[in-house]
């Protein structure tokens, strides 16, 4: 084991040990005062909440360099998500988001422990910049993000006891994009006018909470991170679904404009917008994925014109550059995006093991195309 690996394991062990000996304290859900902007904004969080400036923080950017396929990741089993319409759910404006309380009859299986549901809430941007998801994929924000929060009910009696433990929470994250009208999300959104201001509450009839999740729940990202709001305890096992759900443009606009961070009688009302934390450093950890990245990619095609001998490639990204000194061709491309290649010369091109991801005639055409580009730029 390298010194670097040993140091990392030691730091992780110390962090987890520190978490385990922390007393269980009530998190400031409505807060000791904090906000996303202004004098109590995100940049000041570590001053009042030290964990916000520590390790294992969320959200993160999910990019190829940190992804690793894990064949042991199982489809989640959601129990009790389909609620009766006679059940009532508490909808609350807590000044930071709109949240729905969930009953203890809802829980997740196929995780290291059984995790019982406690609440769901949303994060979003604003009407001029509808890019309010907390997590991103390859740097791309989605319009909004839903979090369904569960606590480890196998080990801890309640949310408060679990909150500051390294294995305390499991959160399901769902990306939201603009698309067709979504009747399931409307079962929450239609009540926004009743919780317009901080502290207001309303009742929402029960419905099938699973309808808020993507239809394909088998493909997801999994990593260990933190709460995305103060006190930012690194206590969350994150499951971020790969595929987004869709709501209409009108529904998104309602989410971005209907709610306020301030109380009804506040002389300076403040719209509830941009309630997402910025991307955090991910150190040297990995995100495990339940899907094969290569197998899911669109097949790349190459074509060399018989007249112009110019290469046309269907790729994610391609740029060419000729060095003024060496006159060597530099090509940067993704074939597929998981394999980000920096090709300097034809010999460098040969050094990459592309035959597996671009076999047979595909590889031959790709090599011929590269030669053509090299001759053209020489």
Protein backbone atom coordinates (compact mmCIF):
# COMPACT_ATOMS: atom_id res chain seq x y z
CA UNK A 1 0.00 0.00 0.00
CA UNK A 2 1.34 3.41 -0.95
CA UNK A 3 1.89 6.16 1.61
CA UNK A 4 -0.73 8.22 -0.21
CA UNK A 5 -3.33 5.43 0.07
CA UNK A 6 -2.47 4.82 3.72
CA UNK A 7 -2.80 8.54 4.49
CA UNK A 8 -6.19 8.68 2.80
CA UNK A 9 -7.48 5.65 4.70
CA UNK A 10 -6.18 7.11 7.96
CA UNK A 11 -7.88 10.46 7.33
CA UNK A 12 -11.15 8.71 6.44
CA UNK A 13 -10.97 6.56 9.56
CA UNK A 14 -10.33 9.61 11.75
CA UNK A 15 -13.25 11.46 10.17
CA UNK A 16 -15.65 8.56 10.66
CA UNK A 17 -14.43 8.02 14.23
CA UNK A 18 -14.99 11.69 14.93
CA UNK A 19 -18.51 11.45 13.51
CA UNK A 20 -19.35 8.44 15.66
CA UNK A 21 -18.37 10.13 18.93
CA UNK A 22 -20.27 13.32 18.17
CA UNK A 23 -23.34 13.81 20.37
CA UNK A 24 -26.65 13.63 18.55
CA UNK A 25 -27.78 17.24 18.28
CA UNK A 26 -30.82 18.73 16.66
CA UNK A 27 -29.92 20.16 13.26
CA UNK A 28 -31.09 23.70 12.61
CA UNK A 29 -33.65 22.72 9.96
CA UNK A 30 -35.25 26.14 9.98
CA UNK A 31 -32.17 27.31 11.27
CA UNK A 32 -29.79 29.06 13.20
CA UNK A 33 -29.72 31.76 10.59
CA UNK A 34 -28.31 30.74 7.23
CA UNK A 35 -29.20 31.39 3.62
CA UNK A 36 -27.86 30.77 0.13
CA UNK A 37 -26.82 34.38 -0.51
CA UNK A 38 -26.08 37.55 1.46
CA UNK A 39 -24.30 37.95 4.79
CA UNK A 40 -25.40 34.47 5.93
CA UNK A 41 -24.80 32.90 2.52
CA UNK A 42 -23.01 29.76 1.47
CA UNK A 43 -19.51 31.24 1.77
CA UNK A 44 -20.05 31.87 5.48
CA UNK A 45 -21.45 28.42 6.35
CA UNK A 46 -18.12 26.93 7.53
CA UNK A 47 -17.80 29.67 10.14
CA UNK A 48 -20.95 28.53 11.95
CA UNK A 49 -21.04 24.93 10.75
CA UNK A 50 -17.47 23.50 10.56
CA UNK A 51 -18.52 20.38 8.65
CA UNK A 52 -19.53 22.60 5.71
CA UNK A 53 -15.83 23.29 5.20
CA UNK A 54 -14.74 19.69 5.71
CA UNK A 55 -14.52 16.56 3.57
CA UNK A 56 -17.04 14.26 1.92
CA UNK A 57 -19.20 17.24 0.97
CA UNK A 58 -22.10 17.31 -1.49
CA UNK A 59 -23.25 18.05 -4.15
CA UNK A 60 -20.63 17.03 -6.71
CA UNK A 61 -20.16 16.95 -10.48
CA UNK A 62 -20.57 13.45 -11.88
CA UNK A 63 -17.93 13.22 -14.59
CA UNK A 64 -16.18 10.34 -16.30
CA UNK A 65 -12.88 10.53 -14.43
CA UNK A 66 -14.49 9.54 -11.12
CA UNK A 67 -17.00 6.94 -12.33
CA UNK A 68 -16.54 3.22 -11.84
CA UNK A 69 -18.98 0.45 -12.74
CA UNK A 70 -20.01 -1.74 -9.80
CA UNK A 71 -21.80 -4.99 -10.66
CA UNK A 72 -22.92 -5.43 -7.04
CA UNK A 73 -25.25 -2.40 -7.12
CA UNK A 74 -28.82 -3.70 -6.99
CA UNK A 75 -32.10 -2.10 -8.07
CA UNK A 76 -33.66 -0.30 -5.13
CA UNK A 77 -36.74 -1.82 -3.56
CA UNK A 78 -39.19 0.87 -2.46
CA UNK A 79 -41.71 -0.23 0.17
CA UNK A 80 -44.84 1.70 1.11
CA UNK A 81 -44.37 4.44 -1.50
CA UNK A 82 -47.88 4.00 -2.92
CA UNK A 83 -49.97 5.87 -0.37
CA UNK A 84 -53.73 6.03 -0.04
CA UNK A 85 -55.49 9.27 -0.94
CA UNK A 86 -57.03 9.17 2.54
CA UNK A 87 -53.56 9.71 4.02
CA UNK A 88 -52.49 13.30 4.58
CA UNK A 89 -48.96 14.62 4.05
CA UNK A 90 -47.70 17.81 5.70
CA UNK A 91 -46.43 20.39 3.18
CA UNK A 92 -44.23 23.09 4.75
CA UNK A 93 -42.36 26.20 3.65
CA UNK A 94 -39.31 26.16 5.95
CA UNK A 95 -37.73 29.31 4.49
CA UNK A 96 -35.16 27.35 2.48
CA UNK A 97 -37.33 25.00 0.42
CA UNK A 98 -40.77 23.45 0.28
CA UNK A 99 -40.84 20.05 1.96
CA UNK A 100 -43.30 17.19 2.30
CA UNK A 101 -43.25 15.04 5.43
CA UNK A 102 -43.30 11.30 4.73
CA UNK A 103 -44.64 8.47 6.93
CA UNK A 104 -42.47 5.77 8.58
CA UNK A 105 -44.29 3.11 6.55
CA UNK A 106 -42.11 4.16 3.58
CA UNK A 107 -38.63 2.67 3.40
CA UNK A 108 -35.88 1.40 1.07
CA UNK A 109 -34.38 -2.06 0.86
CA UNK A 110 -31.32 -3.35 -1.07
CA UNK A 111 -29.02 -0.92 0.72
CA UNK A 112 -26.55 -1.84 3.51
CA UNK A 113 -29.33 -1.09 6.01
CA UNK A 114 -33.03 -0.41 5.93
CA UNK A 115 -33.63 3.31 5.51
CA UNK A 116 -36.99 4.83 6.48
CA UNK A 117 -38.40 7.87 4.69
CA UNK A 118 -38.73 11.15 6.56
CA UNK A 119 -39.26 13.95 3.99
CA UNK A 120 -38.80 15.16 0.44
CA UNK A 121 -37.88 18.62 -0.80
CA UNK A 122 -36.78 20.46 -3.94
CA UNK A 123 -33.96 22.69 -5.17
CA UNK A 124 -34.31 25.05 -8.13
CA UNK A 125 -32.92 28.14 -9.87
CA UNK A 126 -34.86 31.17 -11.11
CA UNK A 127 -37.05 32.12 -14.06
CA UNK A 128 -34.16 33.76 -15.95
CA UNK A 129 -31.73 30.90 -15.33
CA UNK A 130 -33.58 27.60 -14.81
CA UNK A 131 -30.49 25.65 -13.79
CA UNK A 132 -31.14 24.81 -10.15
CA UNK A 133 -30.08 21.20 -9.68
CA UNK A 134 -27.49 20.61 -6.99
CA UNK A 135 -25.64 17.73 -8.64
CA UNK A 136 -24.41 18.09 -12.20
CA UNK A 137 -23.40 15.61 -14.91
CA UNK A 138 -20.28 16.57 -16.87
CA UNK A 139 -20.80 20.14 -15.64
CA UNK A 140 -24.41 20.32 -16.81
CA UNK A 141 -27.07 21.62 -14.43
CA UNK A 142 -30.65 20.42 -14.70
CA UNK A 143 -33.66 22.68 -14.14
CA UNK A 144 -34.30 21.39 -10.61
CA UNK A 145 -33.62 18.47 -8.29
CA UNK A 146 -35.83 16.47 -5.93
CA UNK A 147 -34.41 14.84 -2.79
CA UNK A 148 -36.21 12.06 -0.92
CA UNK A 149 -34.55 11.73 2.48
CA UNK A 150 -34.37 8.50 4.52
CA UNK A 151 -32.65 7.68 7.81
CA UNK A 152 -30.99 4.44 8.95
CA UNK A 153 -33.79 2.90 11.01
CA UNK A 154 -31.86 -0.34 11.57
CA UNK A 155 -29.34 1.44 13.78
CA UNK A 156 -30.95 4.67 14.99
CA UNK A 157 -34.33 5.42 16.60
CA UNK A 158 -35.06 8.64 14.72
CA UNK A 159 -33.77 11.29 12.31
CA UNK A 160 -32.10 13.32 15.05
CA UNK A 161 -30.03 10.39 16.26
CA UNK A 162 -29.02 9.43 12.69
CA UNK A 163 -28.22 12.89 11.37
CA UNK A 164 -24.59 13.17 12.44
CA UNK A 165 -23.62 9.51 11.94
CA UNK A 166 -21.52 8.40 8.97
CA UNK A 167 -24.18 5.86 7.93
CA UNK A 168 -27.15 7.90 9.09
CA UNK A 169 -28.92 8.92 5.90
CA UNK A 170 -29.75 7.66 2.41
CA UNK A 171 -31.02 10.24 -0.07
CA UNK A 172 -32.53 9.63 -3.49
CA UNK A 173 -31.80 12.48 -5.93
CA UNK A 174 -33.92 12.98 -9.03
CA UNK A 175 -33.03 15.44 -11.79
CA UNK A 176 -35.92 17.50 -13.19
CA UNK A 177 -36.04 18.83 -16.75
CA UNK A 178 -38.61 20.77 -18.82
CA UNK A 179 -40.94 18.56 -20.84
CA UNK A 180 -44.59 17.52 -20.79
CA UNK A 181 -46.97 18.32 -17.94
CA UNK A 182 -46.43 16.00 -14.98
CA UNK A 183 -49.64 15.19 -13.04
CA UNK A 184 -47.72 13.53 -10.18
CA UNK A 185 -45.62 16.63 -9.42
CA UNK A 186 -48.77 18.73 -9.72
CA UNK A 187 -50.13 16.94 -6.65
CA UNK A 188 -47.52 18.95 -4.73
CA UNK A 189 -47.22 22.07 -6.88
CA UNK A 190 -50.96 22.78 -6.82
CA UNK A 191 -50.68 23.53 -3.09
CA UNK A 192 -47.89 26.11 -3.32
CA UNK A 193 -50.27 29.03 -2.82
CA UNK A 194 -51.10 27.63 0.63
CA UNK A 195 -47.44 27.66 1.73
CA UNK A 196 -46.34 30.83 -0.02
CA UNK A 197 -44.49 32.23 3.01
CA UNK A 198 -42.05 30.84 5.53
CA UNK A 199 -43.70 28.89 8.34
CA UNK A 200 -46.92 28.20 6.46
CA UNK A 201 -48.22 24.63 6.31
CA UNK A 202 -50.82 22.73 4.32
CA UNK A 203 -52.12 19.19 3.88
CA UNK A 204 -51.56 17.19 0.69
CA UNK A 205 -53.58 14.02 0.02
CA UNK A 206 -51.46 10.90 -0.26
CA UNK A 207 -50.42 9.56 -3.66
CA UNK A 208 -47.86 7.20 -5.19
CA UNK A 209 -44.56 8.88 -4.31
CA UNK A 210 -42.75 6.50 -6.68
CA UNK A 211 -44.36 8.40 -9.57
CA UNK A 212 -41.97 11.26 -8.76
CA UNK A 213 -39.02 9.03 -9.68
CA UNK A 214 -37.81 8.16 -13.18
CA UNK A 215 -39.34 5.06 -14.77
CA UNK A 216 -35.91 3.52 -15.16
CA UNK A 217 -34.65 3.30 -11.58
CA UNK A 218 -32.00 0.68 -12.30
CA UNK A 219 -29.41 3.17 -13.58
CA UNK A 220 -27.93 5.43 -10.95
CA UNK A 221 -24.79 6.96 -9.41
CA UNK A 222 -23.83 5.99 -5.84
CA UNK A 223 -21.38 7.76 -3.53
CA UNK A 224 -20.84 8.78 0.10
CA UNK A 225 -21.36 12.47 0.75
CA UNK A 226 -23.07 15.00 2.98
CA UNK A 227 -26.18 17.00 3.65
CA UNK A 228 -26.24 19.89 1.18
CA UNK A 229 -27.47 22.37 3.79
CA UNK A 230 -26.07 23.27 7.21
CA UNK A 231 -24.88 21.56 9.32
CA UNK A 232 -23.49 19.63 6.28
CA UNK A 233 -22.83 16.41 8.19
CA UNK A 234 -21.03 13.84 5.97
CA UNK A 235 -23.72 11.29 6.76
CA UNK A 236 -25.40 10.59 3.40
CA UNK A 237 -25.35 7.60 1.09
CA UNK A 238 -26.37 9.24 -2.17
CA UNK A 239 -28.27 7.56 -5.00
CA UNK A 240 -28.49 9.97 -7.94
CA UNK A 241 -30.66 8.62 -10.74
CA UNK A 242 -29.17 8.82 -14.20
CA UNK A 243 -32.39 9.68 -16.05
CA UNK A 244 -34.36 12.88 -15.31
CA UNK A 245 -38.09 13.28 -14.90
CA UNK A 246 -39.97 16.01 -16.73
CA UNK A 247 -42.35 18.77 -15.73
CA UNK A 248 -43.89 21.43 -17.94
CA UNK A 249 -42.46 24.90 -18.37
CA UNK A 250 -45.49 26.28 -16.53
CA UNK A 251 -44.92 23.94 -13.61
CA UNK A 252 -41.27 24.93 -13.38
CA UNK A 253 -42.24 28.60 -13.47
CA UNK A 254 -44.64 28.01 -10.56
CA UNK A 255 -41.80 26.42 -8.59
CA UNK A 256 -39.51 29.36 -9.35
CA UNK A 257 -42.00 32.14 -8.55
CA UNK A 258 -44.62 30.97 -6.05
CA UNK A 259 -42.65 30.82 -2.81
CA UNK A 260 -40.89 33.23 -0.45
CA UNK A 261 -38.07 32.78 2.08
CA UNK A 262 -39.68 35.39 4.31
CA UNK A 263 -42.78 35.41 6.48
CA UNK A 264 -46.12 36.86 5.49
CA UNK A 265 -45.63 40.07 7.49
CA UNK A 266 -42.02 40.71 6.47
CA UNK A 267 -41.70 44.28 5.10
CA UNK A 268 -39.02 43.12 2.65
CA UNK A 269 -40.29 39.90 1.05
CA UNK A 270 -37.57 37.72 -0.48
CA UNK A 271 -38.35 35.29 -3.30
CA UNK A 272 -37.27 31.69 -2.77
CA UNK A 273 -34.95 31.21 -5.74
CA UNK A 274 -31.51 29.68 -6.37
CA UNK A 275 -31.81 27.45 -3.31
CA UNK A 276 -29.03 25.09 -4.35
CA UNK A 277 -25.54 24.60 -2.99
CA UNK A 278 -22.62 24.94 -5.39
CA UNK A 279 -20.51 21.98 -6.49
CA UNK A 280 -18.02 20.72 -3.89
CA UNK A 281 -14.55 19.25 -4.32
CA UNK A 282 -14.58 15.47 -4.52
CA UNK A 283 -11.01 14.77 -3.37
CA UNK A 284 -9.81 11.39 -4.68
CA UNK A 285 -12.89 9.23 -4.23
CA UNK A 286 -14.93 7.31 -6.77
CA UNK A 287 -18.59 7.37 -7.72
CA UNK A 288 -19.95 3.90 -8.41
CA UNK A 289 -22.45 3.44 -11.23
CA UNK A 290 -24.94 0.63 -11.79
CA UNK A 291 -24.77 0.86 -15.59
CA UNK A 292 -22.18 0.10 -18.25
CA UNK A 293 -21.12 3.48 -19.62
CA UNK A 294 -19.66 2.13 -22.88
CA UNK A 295 -22.54 -0.16 -23.74
CA UNK A 296 -25.06 2.65 -23.41
CA UNK A 297 -23.28 5.07 -25.74
CA UNK A 298 -24.48 5.91 -29.21
CA UNK A 299 -22.35 4.14 -31.78
CA UNK A 300 -19.80 6.46 -33.30
CA UNK A 301 -19.53 6.43 -37.08
CA UNK A 302 -16.68 7.51 -39.28
CA UNK A 303 -16.71 8.32 -42.95
CA UNK A 304 -13.93 9.33 -45.37
CA UNK A 305 -15.11 11.17 -48.49
CA UNK A 306 -13.68 9.74 -51.73
CA UNK A 307 -13.34 13.23 -53.21
CA UNK A 308 -12.12 15.42 -50.39
CA UNK A 309 -10.60 12.71 -48.17
CA UNK A 310 -11.92 14.67 -45.19
CA UNK A 311 -12.97 12.84 -42.08
CA UNK A 312 -16.48 13.23 -40.72
CA UNK A 313 -16.90 11.81 -37.24
CA UNK A 314 -19.98 11.63 -35.08
CA UNK A 315 -18.32 12.39 -31.75
CA UNK A 316 -18.99 14.25 -28.57
CA UNK A 317 -16.09 16.64 -29.10
CA UNK A 318 -13.27 17.05 -31.61
CA UNK A 319 -10.70 19.78 -32.04
CA UNK A 320 -7.52 19.91 -34.09
CA UNK A 321 -4.48 22.04 -33.58
CA UNK A 322 -1.12 22.26 -35.32
CA UNK A 323 1.83 23.24 -33.16
CA UNK A 324 3.74 26.14 -34.78
CA UNK A 325 7.03 24.53 -33.77
CA UNK A 326 6.65 20.80 -34.19
CA UNK A 327 3.87 20.84 -36.79
CA UNK A 328 2.44 17.86 -34.94
CA UNK A 329 -1.29 17.28 -34.98
CA UNK A 330 -3.05 17.31 -31.65
CA UNK A 331 -6.53 15.86 -31.65
CA UNK A 332 -8.77 15.84 -28.60
CA UNK A 333 -11.84 13.68 -28.81
CA UNK A 334 -14.10 11.35 -26.87
CA UNK A 335 -14.69 7.88 -28.34
CA UNK A 336 -16.97 7.47 -26.41
CA UNK A 337 -16.98 10.26 -23.78
CA UNK A 338 -15.62 7.90 -21.12
CA UNK A 339 -12.38 7.64 -23.11
CA UNK A 340 -11.07 11.18 -23.30
CA UNK A 341 -8.11 10.93 -25.65
CA UNK A 342 -5.23 13.25 -26.32
CA UNK A 343 -3.65 12.09 -29.58
CA UNK A 344 -0.33 13.69 -30.42
CA UNK A 345 1.04 11.59 -33.26
CA UNK A 346 0.06 8.49 -35.17
CA UNK A 347 2.29 6.41 -32.87
CA UNK A 348 0.51 7.84 -29.85
CA UNK A 349 -2.78 6.92 -31.49
CA UNK A 350 -1.62 3.31 -31.79
CA UNK A 351 -0.80 3.22 -28.08
CA UNK A 352 -4.49 3.54 -27.10
CA UNK A 353 -6.43 0.29 -26.82
CA UNK A 354 -9.41 1.34 -28.94
CA UNK A 355 -10.04 -2.01 -30.59
CA UNK A 356 -12.35 -3.04 -27.79
CA UNK A 357 -14.61 0.01 -27.97
CA UNK A 358 -14.34 0.50 -31.72
CA UNK A 359 -13.75 -3.01 -33.14
CA UNK A 360 -13.16 -4.27 -36.67
CA UNK A 361 -13.99 -1.95 -39.55
CA UNK A 362 -14.82 0.87 -37.11
CA UNK A 363 -11.23 0.91 -35.87
CA UNK A 364 -9.77 0.69 -39.38
CA UNK A 365 -11.90 3.60 -40.56
CA UNK A 366 -10.98 5.64 -37.51
CA UNK A 367 -7.26 5.05 -38.09
CA UNK A 368 -7.58 5.92 -41.78
CA UNK A 369 -9.45 9.08 -40.88
CA UNK A 370 -6.73 10.12 -38.44
CA UNK A 371 -4.06 9.57 -41.12
CA UNK A 372 -6.08 11.71 -43.53
CA UNK A 373 -6.35 14.53 -41.01
CA UNK A 374 -2.61 14.32 -40.31
CA UNK A 375 -1.73 14.54 -44.01
CA UNK A 376 -4.17 17.44 -44.52
CA UNK A 377 -2.75 19.49 -41.65
CA UNK A 378 0.91 18.70 -42.34
